[in-house]
PDB file of all heavy atoms in Angstrom:
ATOM      1  N   SER A   1       0.817  -1.216   0.000  1.00  0.00           N
ATOM      2  CA  SER A   1       0.000   0.000   0.000  1.00  0.00           C
ATOM      3  C   SER A   1       0.847   1.262   0.000  1.00  0.00           C
ATOM      4  O   SER A   1       0.399   2.321  -0.456  1.00  0.00           O
ATOM      5  CB  SER A   1      -0.931   0.008   1.224  1.00  0.00           C
ATOM      6  OG  SER A   1      -1.813  -1.087   1.207  1.00  0.00           O
ATOM      7  N   SER A   2       2.062   1.163   0.516  1.00  0.00           N
ATOM      8  CA  SER A   2       2.939   2.334   0.562  1.00  0.00           C
ATOM      9  C   SER A   2       3.475   2.701  -0.815  1.00  0.00           C
ATOM     10  O   SER A   2       3.973   3.807  -1.014  1.00  0.00           O
ATOM     11  CB  SER A   2       4.101   2.091   1.526  1.00  0.00           C
ATOM     12  OG  SER A   2       4.997   1.122   0.998  1.00  0.00           O
ATOM     13  N   ALA A   3       3.360   1.751  -1.764  1.00  0.00           N
ATOM     14  CA  ALA A   3       3.887   2.017  -3.111  1.00  0.00           C
ATOM     15  C   ALA A   3       3.023   1.327  -4.161  1.00  0.00           C
ATOM     16  O   ALA A   3       3.492   0.443  -4.874  1.00  0.00           O
ATOM     17  CB  ALA A   3       5.333   1.548  -3.208  1.00  0.00           C
ATOM     18  N   PRO A   4       1.745   1.696  -4.265  1.00  0.00           N
ATOM     19  CA  PRO A   4       0.870   1.039  -5.242  1.00  0.00           C
ATOM     20  C   PRO A   4       1.371   1.246  -6.665  1.00  0.00           C
ATOM     21  O   PRO A   4       1.840   2.331  -7.018  1.00  0.00           O
ATOM     22  CB  PRO A   4      -0.483   1.736  -5.027  1.00  0.00           C
ATOM     23  CG  PRO A   4      -0.150   3.045  -4.392  1.00  0.00           C
ATOM     24  CD  PRO A   4       1.052   2.774  -3.546  1.00  0.00           C
ATOM     25  N   GLY A   5       1.321   0.175  -7.444  1.00  0.00           N
ATOM     26  CA  GLY A   5       1.791   0.244  -8.817  1.00  0.00           C
ATOM     27  C   GLY A   5       3.284   0.062  -8.983  1.00  0.00           C
ATOM     28  O   GLY A   5       3.779  -0.061 -10.104  1.00  0.00           O
ATOM     29  N   THR A   6       4.002   0.031  -7.873  1.00  0.00           N
ATOM     30  CA  THR A   6       5.460  -0.150  -7.913  1.00  0.00           C
ATOM     31  C   THR A   6       5.796  -1.621  -7.697  1.00  0.00           C
ATOM     32  O   THR A   6       5.263  -2.255  -6.784  1.00  0.00           O
ATOM     33  CB  THR A   6       6.144   0.690  -6.820  1.00  0.00           C
ATOM     34  OG1 THR A   6       5.850   2.065  -7.033  1.00  0.00           O
ATOM     35  CG2 THR A   6       7.649   0.479  -6.841  1.00  0.00           C
ATOM     36  N   VAL A   7       6.676  -2.152  -8.515  1.00  0.00           N
ATOM     37  CA  VAL A   7       7.083  -3.548  -8.368  1.00  0.00           C
ATOM     38  C   VAL A   7       8.027  -3.674  -7.174  1.00  0.00           C
ATOM     39  O   VAL A   7       9.048  -2.980  -7.106  1.00  0.00           O
ATOM     40  CB  VAL A   7       7.779  -4.063  -9.645  1.00  0.00           C
ATOM     41  CG1 VAL A   7       8.222  -5.508  -9.452  1.00  0.00           C
ATOM     42  CG2 VAL A   7       6.845  -3.949 -10.845  1.00  0.00           C
ATOM     43  N   LEU A   8       7.671  -4.539  -6.246  1.00  0.00           N
ATOM     44  CA  LEU A   8       8.495  -4.794  -5.064  1.00  0.00           C
ATOM     45  C   LEU A   8       9.122  -6.183  -5.203  1.00  0.00           C
ATOM     46  O   LEU A   8       8.417  -7.170  -5.370  1.00  0.00           O
ATOM     47  CB  LEU A   8       7.648  -4.718  -3.795  1.00  0.00           C
ATOM     48  CG  LEU A   8       6.854  -3.419  -3.584  1.00  0.00           C
ATOM     49  CD1 LEU A   8       6.095  -3.478  -2.254  1.00  0.00           C
ATOM     50  CD2 LEU A   8       7.770  -2.207  -3.612  1.00  0.00           C
ATOM     51  N   SER A   9      10.433  -6.224  -5.117  1.00  0.00           N
ATOM     52  CA  SER A   9      11.124  -7.504  -5.258  1.00  0.00           C
ATOM     53  C   SER A   9      10.906  -8.373  -4.031  1.00  0.00           C
ATOM     54  O   SER A   9      10.599  -7.880  -2.942  1.00  0.00           O
ATOM     55  CB  SER A   9      12.620  -7.284  -5.471  1.00  0.00           C
ATOM     56  OG  SER A   9      13.228  -6.797  -4.273  1.00  0.00           O
ATOM     57  N   ARG A  10      11.093  -9.655  -4.202  1.00  0.00           N
ATOM     58  CA  ARG A  10      10.979 -10.582  -3.075  1.00  0.00           C
ATOM     59  C   ARG A  10      12.032 -10.268  -2.012  1.00  0.00           C
ATOM     60  O   ARG A  10      11.755 -10.353  -0.818  1.00  0.00           O
ATOM     61  CB  ARG A  10      11.112 -12.024  -3.562  1.00  0.00           C
ATOM     62  CG  ARG A  10       9.938 -12.489  -4.424  1.00  0.00           C
ATOM     63  CD  ARG A  10      10.233 -13.843  -5.060  1.00  0.00           C
ATOM     64  NE  ARG A  10       9.075 -14.363  -5.777  1.00  0.00           N
ATOM     65  CZ  ARG A  10       8.772 -14.023  -7.034  1.00  0.00           C
ATOM     66  NH1 ARG A  10       9.549 -13.148  -7.694  1.00  0.00           N
ATOM     67  NH2 ARG A  10       7.715 -14.547  -7.630  1.00  0.00           N
ATOM     68  N   ASP A  11      13.239  -9.912  -2.444  1.00  0.00           N
ATOM     69  CA  ASP A  11      14.294  -9.582  -1.477  1.00  0.00           C
ATOM     70  C   ASP A  11      13.919  -8.356  -0.651  1.00  0.00           C
ATOM     71  O   ASP A  11      14.169  -8.314   0.557  1.00  0.00           O
ATOM     72  CB  ASP A  11      15.619  -9.334  -2.199  1.00  0.00           C
ATOM     73  CG  ASP A  11      16.250 -10.618  -2.718  1.00  0.00           C
ATOM     74  OD1 ASP A  11      15.881 -11.701  -2.220  1.00  0.00           O
ATOM     75  OD2 ASP A  11      17.098 -10.545  -3.624  1.00  0.00           O
ATOM     76  N   ARG A  12      13.320  -7.355  -1.296  1.00  0.00           N
ATOM     77  CA  ARG A  12      12.905  -6.164  -0.543  1.00  0.00           C
ATOM     78  C   ARG A  12      11.826  -6.531   0.471  1.00  0.00           C
ATOM     79  O   ARG A  12      11.851  -6.069   1.620  1.00  0.00           O
ATOM     80  CB  ARG A  12      12.389  -5.085  -1.491  1.00  0.00           C
ATOM     81  CG  ARG A  12      11.710  -3.930  -0.743  1.00  0.00           C
ATOM     82  CD  ARG A  12      11.289  -2.797  -1.634  1.00  0.00           C
ATOM     83  NE  ARG A  12      10.424  -1.857  -0.917  1.00  0.00           N
ATOM     84  CZ  ARG A  12      10.078  -0.668  -1.378  1.00  0.00           C
ATOM     85  NH1 ARG A  12      10.518  -0.267  -2.555  1.00  0.00           N
ATOM     86  NH2 ARG A  12       9.285   0.113  -0.682  1.00  0.00           N
ATOM     87  N   LEU A  13      10.882  -7.364   0.047  1.00  0.00           N
ATOM     88  CA  LEU A  13       9.813  -7.754   0.961  1.00  0.00           C
ATOM     89  C   LEU A  13      10.353  -8.584   2.118  1.00  0.00           C
ATOM     90  O   LEU A  13       9.921  -8.422   3.265  1.00  0.00           O
ATOM     91  CB  LEU A  13       8.730  -8.518   0.201  1.00  0.00           C
ATOM     92  CG  LEU A  13       7.940  -7.672  -0.810  1.00  0.00           C
ATOM     93  CD1 LEU A  13       7.058  -8.562  -1.667  1.00  0.00           C
ATOM     94  CD2 LEU A  13       7.105  -6.612  -0.099  1.00  0.00           C
ATOM     95  N   LEU A  14      11.313  -9.463   1.836  1.00  0.00           N
ATOM     96  CA  LEU A  14      11.936 -10.233   2.911  1.00  0.00           C
ATOM     97  C   LEU A  14      12.601  -9.306   3.925  1.00  0.00           C
ATOM     98  O   LEU A  14      12.511  -9.512   5.133  1.00  0.00           O
ATOM     99  CB  LEU A  14      12.975 -11.207   2.346  1.00  0.00           C
ATOM    100  CG  LEU A  14      12.469 -12.530   1.779  1.00  0.00           C
ATOM    101  CD1 LEU A  14      13.604 -13.265   1.086  1.00  0.00           C
ATOM    102  CD2 LEU A  14      11.867 -13.401   2.885  1.00  0.00           C
ATOM    103  N   GLU A  15      13.268  -8.291   3.428  1.00  0.00           N
ATOM    104  CA  GLU A  15      13.989  -7.369   4.314  1.00  0.00           C
ATOM    105  C   GLU A  15      13.031  -6.508   5.129  1.00  0.00           C
ATOM    106  O   GLU A  15      13.205  -6.333   6.336  1.00  0.00           O
ATOM    107  CB  GLU A  15      14.915  -6.482   3.494  1.00  0.00           C
ATOM    108  CG  GLU A  15      15.673  -5.470   4.336  1.00  0.00           C
ATOM    109  CD  GLU A  15      16.556  -4.568   3.508  1.00  0.00           C
ATOM    110  OE1 GLU A  15      16.632  -4.756   2.274  1.00  0.00           O
ATOM    111  OE2 GLU A  15      17.179  -3.659   4.092  1.00  0.00           O
ATOM    112  N   ARG A  16      11.986  -5.980   4.494  1.00  0.00           N
ATOM    113  CA  ARG A  16      11.144  -4.994   5.150  1.00  0.00           C
ATOM    114  C   ARG A  16       9.968  -5.598   5.913  1.00  0.00           C
ATOM    115  O   ARG A  16       9.533  -5.032   6.915  1.00  0.00           O
ATOM    116  CB  ARG A  16      10.656  -3.975   4.127  1.00  0.00           C
ATOM    117  CG  ARG A  16      11.785  -3.106   3.574  1.00  0.00           C
ATOM    118  CD  ARG A  16      11.305  -2.167   2.499  1.00  0.00           C
ATOM    119  NE  ARG A  16      10.350  -1.196   3.012  1.00  0.00           N
ATOM    120  CZ  ARG A  16      10.682  -0.036   3.587  1.00  0.00           C
ATOM    121  NH1 ARG A  16      11.948   0.278   3.754  1.00  0.00           N
ATOM    122  NH2 ARG A  16       9.750   0.804   3.998  1.00  0.00           N
ATOM    123  N   VAL A  17       9.472  -6.726   5.452  1.00  0.00           N
ATOM    124  CA  VAL A  17       8.345  -7.354   6.137  1.00  0.00           C
ATOM    125  C   VAL A  17       8.824  -8.413   7.122  1.00  0.00           C
ATOM    126  O   VAL A  17       8.345  -8.491   8.254  1.00  0.00           O
ATOM    127  CB  VAL A  17       7.359  -7.971   5.127  1.00  0.00           C
ATOM    128  CG1 VAL A  17       6.214  -8.686   5.846  1.00  0.00           C
ATOM    129  CG2 VAL A  17       6.808  -6.889   4.201  1.00  0.00           C
ATOM    130  N   TRP A  18       9.787  -9.234   6.695  1.00  0.00           N
ATOM    131  CA  TRP A  18      10.284 -10.301   7.568  1.00  0.00           C
ATOM    132  C   TRP A  18      11.517  -9.895   8.360  1.00  0.00           C
ATOM    133  O   TRP A  18      12.015 -10.680   9.158  1.00  0.00           O
ATOM    134  CB  TRP A  18      10.569 -11.557   6.739  1.00  0.00           C
ATOM    135  CG  TRP A  18       9.328 -12.345   6.470  1.00  0.00           C
ATOM    136  CD1 TRP A  18       8.849 -13.401   7.206  1.00  0.00           C
ATOM    137  CD2 TRP A  18       8.378 -12.133   5.414  1.00  0.00           C
ATOM    138  NE1 TRP A  18       7.666 -13.842   6.664  1.00  0.00           N
ATOM    139  CE2 TRP A  18       7.350 -13.090   5.569  1.00  0.00           C
ATOM    140  CE3 TRP A  18       8.302 -11.228   4.367  1.00  0.00           C
ATOM    141  CZ2 TRP A  18       6.259 -13.173   4.705  1.00  0.00           C
ATOM    142  CZ3 TRP A  18       7.226 -11.298   3.511  1.00  0.00           C
ATOM    143  CH2 TRP A  18       6.212 -12.250   3.671  1.00  0.00           C
ATOM    144  N   ASP A  19      12.022  -8.694   8.138  1.00  0.00           N
ATOM    145  CA  ASP A  19      13.163  -8.190   8.899  1.00  0.00           C
ATOM    146  C   ASP A  19      14.418  -9.022   8.674  1.00  0.00           C
ATOM    147  O   ASP A  19      15.220  -9.213   9.578  1.00  0.00           O
ATOM    148  CB  ASP A  19      12.809  -8.130  10.395  1.00  0.00           C
ATOM    149  CG  ASP A  19      13.754  -7.241  11.177  1.00  0.00           C
ATOM    150  OD1 ASP A  19      14.397  -6.381  10.560  1.00  0.00           O
ATOM    151  OD2 ASP A  19      13.858  -7.412  12.402  1.00  0.00           O
ATOM    152  N   TYR A  20      14.565  -9.554   7.474  1.00  0.00           N
ATOM    153  CA  TYR A  20      15.761 -10.317   7.146  1.00  0.00           C
ATOM    154  C   TYR A  20      16.857  -9.361   6.712  1.00  0.00           C
ATOM    155  O   TYR A  20      16.721  -8.681   5.693  1.00  0.00           O
ATOM    156  CB  TYR A  20      15.494 -11.289   5.998  1.00  0.00           C
ATOM    157  CG  TYR A  20      14.787 -12.564   6.367  1.00  0.00           C
ATOM    158  CD1 TYR A  20      14.191 -12.725   7.609  1.00  0.00           C
ATOM    159  CD2 TYR A  20      14.703 -13.606   5.460  1.00  0.00           C
ATOM    160  CE1 TYR A  20      13.534 -13.887   7.934  1.00  0.00           C
ATOM    161  CE2 TYR A  20      14.041 -14.777   5.777  1.00  0.00           C
ATOM    162  CZ  TYR A  20      13.460 -14.913   7.012  1.00  0.00           C
ATOM    163  OH  TYR A  20      12.814 -16.067   7.324  1.00  0.00           O
ATOM    164  N   GLY A  21      17.935  -9.332   7.458  1.00  0.00           N
ATOM    165  CA  GLY A  21      19.094  -8.562   7.055  1.00  0.00           C
ATOM    166  C   GLY A  21      20.042  -9.398   6.228  1.00  0.00           C
ATOM    167  O   GLY A  21      21.158  -8.985   5.927  1.00  0.00           O
ATOM    168  N   TRP A  22      19.589 -10.582   5.833  1.00  0.00           N
ATOM    169  CA  TRP A  22      20.403 -11.498   5.046  1.00  0.00           C
ATOM    170  C   TRP A  22      19.470 -12.170   4.049  1.00  0.00           C
ATOM    171  O   TRP A  22      18.265 -12.005   4.093  1.00  0.00           O
ATOM    172  CB  TRP A  22      21.058 -12.550   5.959  1.00  0.00           C
ATOM    173  CG  TRP A  22      20.055 -13.361   6.724  1.00  0.00           C
ATOM    174  CD1 TRP A  22      19.489 -14.555   6.358  1.00  0.00           C
ATOM    175  CD2 TRP A  22      19.476 -13.045   7.994  1.00  0.00           C
ATOM    176  NE1 TRP A  22      18.608 -14.987   7.307  1.00  0.00           N
ATOM    177  CE2 TRP A  22      18.578 -14.092   8.319  1.00  0.00           C
ATOM    178  CE3 TRP A  22      19.632 -11.975   8.877  1.00  0.00           C
ATOM    179  CZ2 TRP A  22      17.845 -14.080   9.503  1.00  0.00           C
ATOM    180  CZ3 TRP A  22      18.893 -11.990  10.045  1.00  0.00           C
ATOM    181  CH2 TRP A  22      18.023 -13.033  10.356  1.00  0.00           C
ATOM    182  N   GLY A  23      20.042 -12.935   3.138  1.00  0.00           N
ATOM    183  CA  GLY A  23      19.231 -13.621   2.149  1.00  0.00           C
ATOM    184  C   GLY A  23      18.295 -14.623   2.816  1.00  0.00           C
ATOM    185  O   GLY A  23      18.647 -15.275   3.800  1.00  0.00           O
ATOM    186  N   GLY A  24      17.100 -14.734   2.298  1.00  0.00           N
ATOM    187  CA  GLY A  24      16.129 -15.671   2.845  1.00  0.00           C
ATOM    188  C   GLY A  24      15.449 -16.448   1.736  1.00  0.00           C
ATOM    189  O   GLY A  24      15.672 -16.212   0.549  1.00  0.00           O
ATOM    190  N   ASP A  25      14.624 -17.389   2.130  1.00  0.00           N
ATOM    191  CA  ASP A  25      13.903 -18.225   1.184  1.00  0.00           C
ATOM    192  C   ASP A  25      12.698 -17.455   0.661  1.00  0.00           C
ATOM    193  O   ASP A  25      11.788 -17.114   1.418  1.00  0.00           O
ATOM    194  CB  ASP A  25      13.458 -19.508   1.891  1.00  0.00           C
ATOM    195  CG  ASP A  25      12.879 -20.536   0.925  1.00  0.00           C
ATOM    196  OD1 ASP A  25      12.464 -20.158  -0.181  1.00  0.00           O
ATOM    197  OD2 ASP A  25      12.844 -21.718   1.300  1.00  0.00           O
ATOM    198  N   THR A  26      12.671 -17.207  -0.630  1.00  0.00           N
ATOM    199  CA  THR A  26      11.594 -16.403  -1.193  1.00  0.00           C
ATOM    200  C   THR A  26      10.257 -17.132  -1.209  1.00  0.00           C
ATOM    201  O   THR A  26       9.229 -16.510  -1.474  1.00  0.00           O
ATOM    202  CB  THR A  26      11.937 -15.953  -2.630  1.00  0.00           C
ATOM    203  OG1 THR A  26      12.196 -17.109  -3.438  1.00  0.00           O
ATOM    204  CG2 THR A  26      13.160 -15.040  -2.620  1.00  0.00           C
ATOM    205  N   ARG A  27      10.261 -18.444  -0.923  1.00  0.00           N
ATOM    206  CA  ARG A  27       8.972 -19.141  -0.812  1.00  0.00           C
ATOM    207  C   ARG A  27       8.117 -18.540   0.295  1.00  0.00           C
ATOM    208  O   ARG A  27       6.881 -18.589   0.228  1.00  0.00           O
ATOM    209  CB  ARG A  27       9.199 -20.634  -0.548  1.00  0.00           C
ATOM    210  CG  ARG A  27       9.713 -21.410  -1.730  1.00  0.00           C
ATOM    211  CD  ARG A  27       9.952 -22.859  -1.396  1.00  0.00           C
ATOM    212  NE  ARG A  27      10.969 -23.011  -0.358  1.00  0.00           N
ATOM    213  CZ  ARG A  27      11.388 -24.202   0.099  1.00  0.00           C
ATOM    214  NH1 ARG A  27      10.872 -25.312  -0.384  1.00  0.00           N
ATOM    215  NH2 ARG A  27      12.319 -24.277   1.009  1.00  0.00           N
ATOM    216  N   VAL A  28       8.763 -18.011   1.313  1.00  0.00           N
ATOM    217  CA  VAL A  28       8.023 -17.364   2.394  1.00  0.00           C
ATOM    218  C   VAL A  28       7.183 -16.223   1.833  1.00  0.00           C
ATOM    219  O   VAL A  28       6.007 -16.065   2.174  1.00  0.00           O
ATOM    220  CB  VAL A  28       8.987 -16.839   3.481  1.00  0.00           C
ATOM    221  CG1 VAL A  28       8.228 -16.054   4.540  1.00  0.00           C
ATOM    222  CG2 VAL A  28       9.744 -17.994   4.116  1.00  0.00           C
ATOM    223  N   VAL A  29       7.785 -15.431   0.950  1.00  0.00           N
ATOM    224  CA  VAL A  29       7.063 -14.320   0.333  1.00  0.00           C
ATOM    225  C   VAL A  29       5.956 -14.839  -0.573  1.00  0.00           C
ATOM    226  O   VAL A  29       4.805 -14.388  -0.500  1.00  0.00           O
ATOM    227  CB  VAL A  29       8.028 -13.424  -0.476  1.00  0.00           C
ATOM    228  CG1 VAL A  29       7.248 -12.329  -1.207  1.00  0.00           C
ATOM    229  CG2 VAL A  29       9.083 -12.822   0.428  1.00  0.00           C
ATOM    230  N   ASP A  30       6.288 -15.799  -1.426  1.00  0.00           N
ATOM    231  CA  ASP A  30       5.323 -16.286  -2.406  1.00  0.00           C
ATOM    232  C   ASP A  30       4.076 -16.859  -1.744  1.00  0.00           C
ATOM    233  O   ASP A  30       2.951 -16.576  -2.172  1.00  0.00           O
ATOM    234  CB  ASP A  30       5.970 -17.353  -3.293  1.00  0.00           C
ATOM    235  CG  ASP A  30       7.090 -16.803  -4.156  1.00  0.00           C
ATOM    236  OD1 ASP A  30       7.091 -15.587  -4.427  1.00  0.00           O
ATOM    237  OD2 ASP A  30       7.977 -17.582  -4.542  1.00  0.00           O
ATOM    238  N   VAL A  31       4.268 -17.650  -0.699  1.00  0.00           N
ATOM    239  CA  VAL A  31       3.115 -18.258  -0.037  1.00  0.00           C
ATOM    240  C   VAL A  31       2.272 -17.198   0.662  1.00  0.00           C
ATOM    241  O   VAL A  31       1.040 -17.235   0.619  1.00  0.00           O
ATOM    242  CB  VAL A  31       3.564 -19.350   0.961  1.00  0.00           C
ATOM    243  CG1 VAL A  31       2.375 -19.855   1.779  1.00  0.00           C
ATOM    244  CG2 VAL A  31       4.209 -20.509   0.224  1.00  0.00           C
ATOM    245  N   HIS A  32       2.918 -16.213   1.297  1.00  0.00           N
ATOM    246  CA  HIS A  32       2.156 -15.162   1.973  1.00  0.00           C
ATOM    247  C   HIS A  32       1.408 -14.279   0.978  1.00  0.00           C
ATOM    248  O   HIS A  32       0.295 -13.825   1.263  1.00  0.00           O
ATOM    249  CB  HIS A  32       3.073 -14.320   2.866  1.00  0.00           C
ATOM    250  CG  HIS A  32       3.300 -14.908   4.217  1.00  0.00           C
ATOM    251  ND1 HIS A  32       4.201 -15.909   4.445  1.00  0.00           N
ATOM    252  CD2 HIS A  32       2.697 -14.661   5.413  1.00  0.00           C
ATOM    253  CE1 HIS A  32       4.176 -16.238   5.724  1.00  0.00           C
ATOM    254  NE2 HIS A  32       3.268 -15.500   6.329  1.00  0.00           N
ATOM    255  N   VAL A  33       1.999 -14.041  -0.177  1.00  0.00           N
ATOM    256  CA  VAL A  33       1.278 -13.284  -1.206  1.00  0.00           C
ATOM    257  C   VAL A  33       0.046 -14.062  -1.650  1.00  0.00           C
ATOM    258  O   VAL A  33      -1.039 -13.484  -1.811  1.00  0.00           O
ATOM    259  CB  VAL A  33       2.194 -12.980  -2.411  1.00  0.00           C
ATOM    260  CG1 VAL A  33       1.372 -12.459  -3.592  1.00  0.00           C
ATOM    261  CG2 VAL A  33       3.247 -11.942  -2.023  1.00  0.00           C
ATOM    262  N   GLN A  34       0.185 -15.372  -1.826  1.00  0.00           N
ATOM    263  CA  GLN A  34      -0.969 -16.180  -2.210  1.00  0.00           C
ATOM    264  C   GLN A  34      -2.050 -16.153  -1.134  1.00  0.00           C
ATOM    265  O   GLN A  34      -3.254 -16.058  -1.443  1.00  0.00           O
ATOM    266  CB  GLN A  34      -0.539 -17.621  -2.487  1.00  0.00           C
ATOM    267  CG  GLN A  34       0.285 -17.799  -3.748  1.00  0.00           C
ATOM    268  CD  GLN A  34      -0.443 -17.309  -4.988  1.00  0.00           C
ATOM    269  OE1 GLN A  34      -1.654 -17.485  -5.137  1.00  0.00           O
ATOM    270  NE2 GLN A  34       0.282 -16.651  -5.884  1.00  0.00           N
ATOM    271  N   ARG A  35      -1.631 -16.240   0.124  1.00  0.00           N
ATOM    272  CA  ARG A  35      -2.601 -16.171   1.226  1.00  0.00           C
ATOM    273  C   ARG A  35      -3.295 -14.821   1.249  1.00  0.00           C
ATOM    274  O   ARG A  35      -4.513 -14.732   1.477  1.00  0.00           O
ATOM    275  CB  ARG A  35      -1.896 -16.435   2.562  1.00  0.00           C
ATOM    276  CG  ARG A  35      -1.652 -17.912   2.836  1.00  0.00           C
ATOM    277  CD  ARG A  35      -0.732 -18.148   4.006  1.00  0.00           C
ATOM    278  NE  ARG A  35      -0.993 -17.311   5.166  1.00  0.00           N
ATOM    279  CZ  ARG A  35      -0.220 -17.294   6.244  1.00  0.00           C
ATOM    280  NH1 ARG A  35       0.862 -18.055   6.293  1.00  0.00           N
ATOM    281  NH2 ARG A  35      -0.511 -16.522   7.263  1.00  0.00           N
ATOM    282  N   LEU A  36      -2.531 -13.759   1.009  1.00  0.00           N
ATOM    283  CA  LEU A  36      -3.106 -12.418   0.996  1.00  0.00           C
ATOM    284  C   LEU A  36      -4.092 -12.268  -0.156  1.00  0.00           C
ATOM    285  O   LEU A  36      -5.167 -11.667  -0.004  1.00  0.00           O
ATOM    286  CB  LEU A  36      -1.990 -11.381   0.900  1.00  0.00           C
ATOM    287  CG  LEU A  36      -2.382  -9.907   1.034  1.00  0.00           C
ATOM    288  CD1 LEU A  36      -3.102  -9.643   2.351  1.00  0.00           C
ATOM    289  CD2 LEU A  36      -1.137  -9.020   0.908  1.00  0.00           C
ATOM    290  N   ARG A  37      -3.752 -12.811  -1.313  1.00  0.00           N
ATOM    291  CA  ARG A  37      -4.647 -12.739  -2.465  1.00  0.00           C
ATOM    292  C   ARG A  37      -6.003 -13.389  -2.190  1.00  0.00           C
ATOM    293  O   ARG A  37      -7.035 -12.885  -2.633  1.00  0.00           O
ATOM    294  CB  ARG A  37      -3.999 -13.411  -3.674  1.00  0.00           C
ATOM    295  CG  ARG A  37      -2.973 -12.564  -4.406  1.00  0.00           C
ATOM    296  CD  ARG A  37      -2.268 -13.392  -5.454  1.00  0.00           C
ATOM    297  NE  ARG A  37      -1.485 -12.569  -6.368  1.00  0.00           N
ATOM    298  CZ  ARG A  37      -0.479 -13.042  -7.085  1.00  0.00           C
ATOM    299  NH1 ARG A  37      -0.131 -14.325  -6.993  1.00  0.00           N
ATOM    300  NH2 ARG A  37       0.185 -12.241  -7.896  1.00  0.00           N
ATOM    301  N   THR A  38      -5.994 -14.517  -1.491  1.00  0.00           N
ATOM    302  CA  THR A  38      -7.269 -15.189  -1.226  1.00  0.00           C
ATOM    303  C   THR A  38      -8.180 -14.335  -0.357  1.00  0.00           C
ATOM    304  O   THR A  38      -9.394 -14.517  -0.373  1.00  0.00           O
ATOM    305  CB  THR A  38      -7.041 -16.548  -0.531  1.00  0.00           C
ATOM    306  OG1 THR A  38      -6.444 -16.349   0.757  1.00  0.00           O
ATOM    307  CG2 THR A  38      -6.155 -17.454  -1.374  1.00  0.00           C
ATOM    308  N   LYS A  39      -7.590 -13.397   0.381  1.00  0.00           N
ATOM    309  CA  LYS A  39      -8.377 -12.575   1.294  1.00  0.00           C
ATOM    310  C   LYS A  39      -8.774 -11.228   0.699  1.00  0.00           C
ATOM    311  O   LYS A  39      -9.847 -10.712   1.016  1.00  0.00           O
ATOM    312  CB  LYS A  39      -7.599 -12.361   2.604  1.00  0.00           C
ATOM    313  CG  LYS A  39      -7.349 -13.659   3.372  1.00  0.00           C
ATOM    314  CD  LYS A  39      -6.636 -13.407   4.698  1.00  0.00           C
ATOM    315  CE  LYS A  39      -6.439 -14.697   5.472  1.00  0.00           C
ATOM    316  NZ  LYS A  39      -5.815 -14.468   6.799  1.00  0.00           N
ATOM    317  N   ILE A  40      -7.925 -10.656  -0.137  1.00  0.00           N
ATOM    318  CA  ILE A  40      -8.223  -9.315  -0.655  1.00  0.00           C
ATOM    319  C   ILE A  40      -8.598  -9.324  -2.133  1.00  0.00           C
ATOM    320  O   ILE A  40      -8.937  -8.292  -2.697  1.00  0.00           O
ATOM    321  CB  ILE A  40      -7.041  -8.347  -0.430  1.00  0.00           C
ATOM    322  CG1 ILE A  40      -5.840  -8.733  -1.290  1.00  0.00           C
ATOM    323  CG2 ILE A  40      -6.663  -8.281   1.048  1.00  0.00           C
ATOM    324  CD1 ILE A  40      -4.726  -7.705  -1.277  1.00  0.00           C
ATOM    325  N   GLY A  41      -8.520 -10.504  -2.771  1.00  0.00           N
ATOM    326  CA  GLY A  41      -8.855 -10.609  -4.183  1.00  0.00           C
ATOM    327  C   GLY A  41      -7.666 -11.071  -5.008  1.00  0.00           C
ATOM    328  O   GLY A  41      -6.581 -10.498  -4.904  1.00  0.00           O
ATOM    329  N   GLN A  42      -7.876 -12.108  -5.800  1.00  0.00           N
ATOM    330  CA  GLN A  42      -6.781 -12.687  -6.574  1.00  0.00           C
ATOM    331  C   GLN A  42      -6.176 -11.700  -7.563  1.00  0.00           C
ATOM    332  O   GLN A  42      -4.990 -11.785  -7.904  1.00  0.00           O
ATOM    333  CB  GLN A  42      -7.279 -13.934  -7.320  1.00  0.00           C
ATOM    334  CG  GLN A  42      -7.627 -15.110  -6.425  1.00  0.00           C
ATOM    335  CD  GLN A  42      -6.402 -15.726  -5.776  1.00  0.00           C
ATOM    336  OE1 GLN A  42      -5.276 -15.543  -6.220  1.00  0.00           O
ATOM    337  NE2 GLN A  42      -6.625 -16.491  -4.713  1.00  0.00           N
ATOM    338  N   ASP A  43      -6.994 -10.758  -8.063  1.00  0.00           N
ATOM    339  CA  ASP A  43      -6.500  -9.833  -9.069  1.00  0.00           C
ATOM    340  C   ASP A  43      -5.958  -8.529  -8.488  1.00  0.00           C
ATOM    341  O   ASP A  43      -5.611  -7.611  -9.232  1.00  0.00           O
ATOM    342  CB  ASP A  43      -7.615  -9.514 -10.076  1.00  0.00           C
ATOM    343  CG  ASP A  43      -8.825  -8.853  -9.414  1.00  0.00           C
ATOM    344  OD1 ASP A  43      -8.884  -8.845  -8.162  1.00  0.00           O
ATOM    345  OD2 ASP A  43      -9.705  -8.369 -10.152  1.00  0.00           O
ATOM    346  N   ARG A  44      -5.881  -8.438  -7.159  1.00  0.00           N
ATOM    347  CA  ARG A  44      -5.444  -7.187  -6.537  1.00  0.00           C
ATOM    348  C   ARG A  44      -3.924  -7.049  -6.574  1.00  0.00           C
ATOM    349  O   ARG A  44      -3.390  -5.939  -6.635  1.00  0.00           O
ATOM    350  CB  ARG A  44      -5.958  -7.117  -5.097  1.00  0.00           C
ATOM    351  CG  ARG A  44      -5.666  -5.833  -4.348  1.00  0.00           C
ATOM    352  CD  ARG A  44      -6.117  -4.612  -5.091  1.00  0.00           C
ATOM    353  NE  ARG A  44      -7.535  -4.651  -5.456  1.00  0.00           N
ATOM    354  CZ  ARG A  44      -8.088  -3.834  -6.325  1.00  0.00           C
ATOM    355  NH1 ARG A  44      -7.353  -2.930  -6.945  1.00  0.00           N
ATOM    356  NH2 ARG A  44      -9.374  -3.930  -6.607  1.00  0.00           N
TER     357      ARG A  44
END
């Protein structure tokens, strides 16, 4: 929501949402995005 229309990389999301200061498994991001889509709309 802070940057609608802006592409956010998985690494950025890992750093800012999961507080990873190091490389992490991007599956964490992918699964949470899918979970979020089921709640706010698949096309959002």
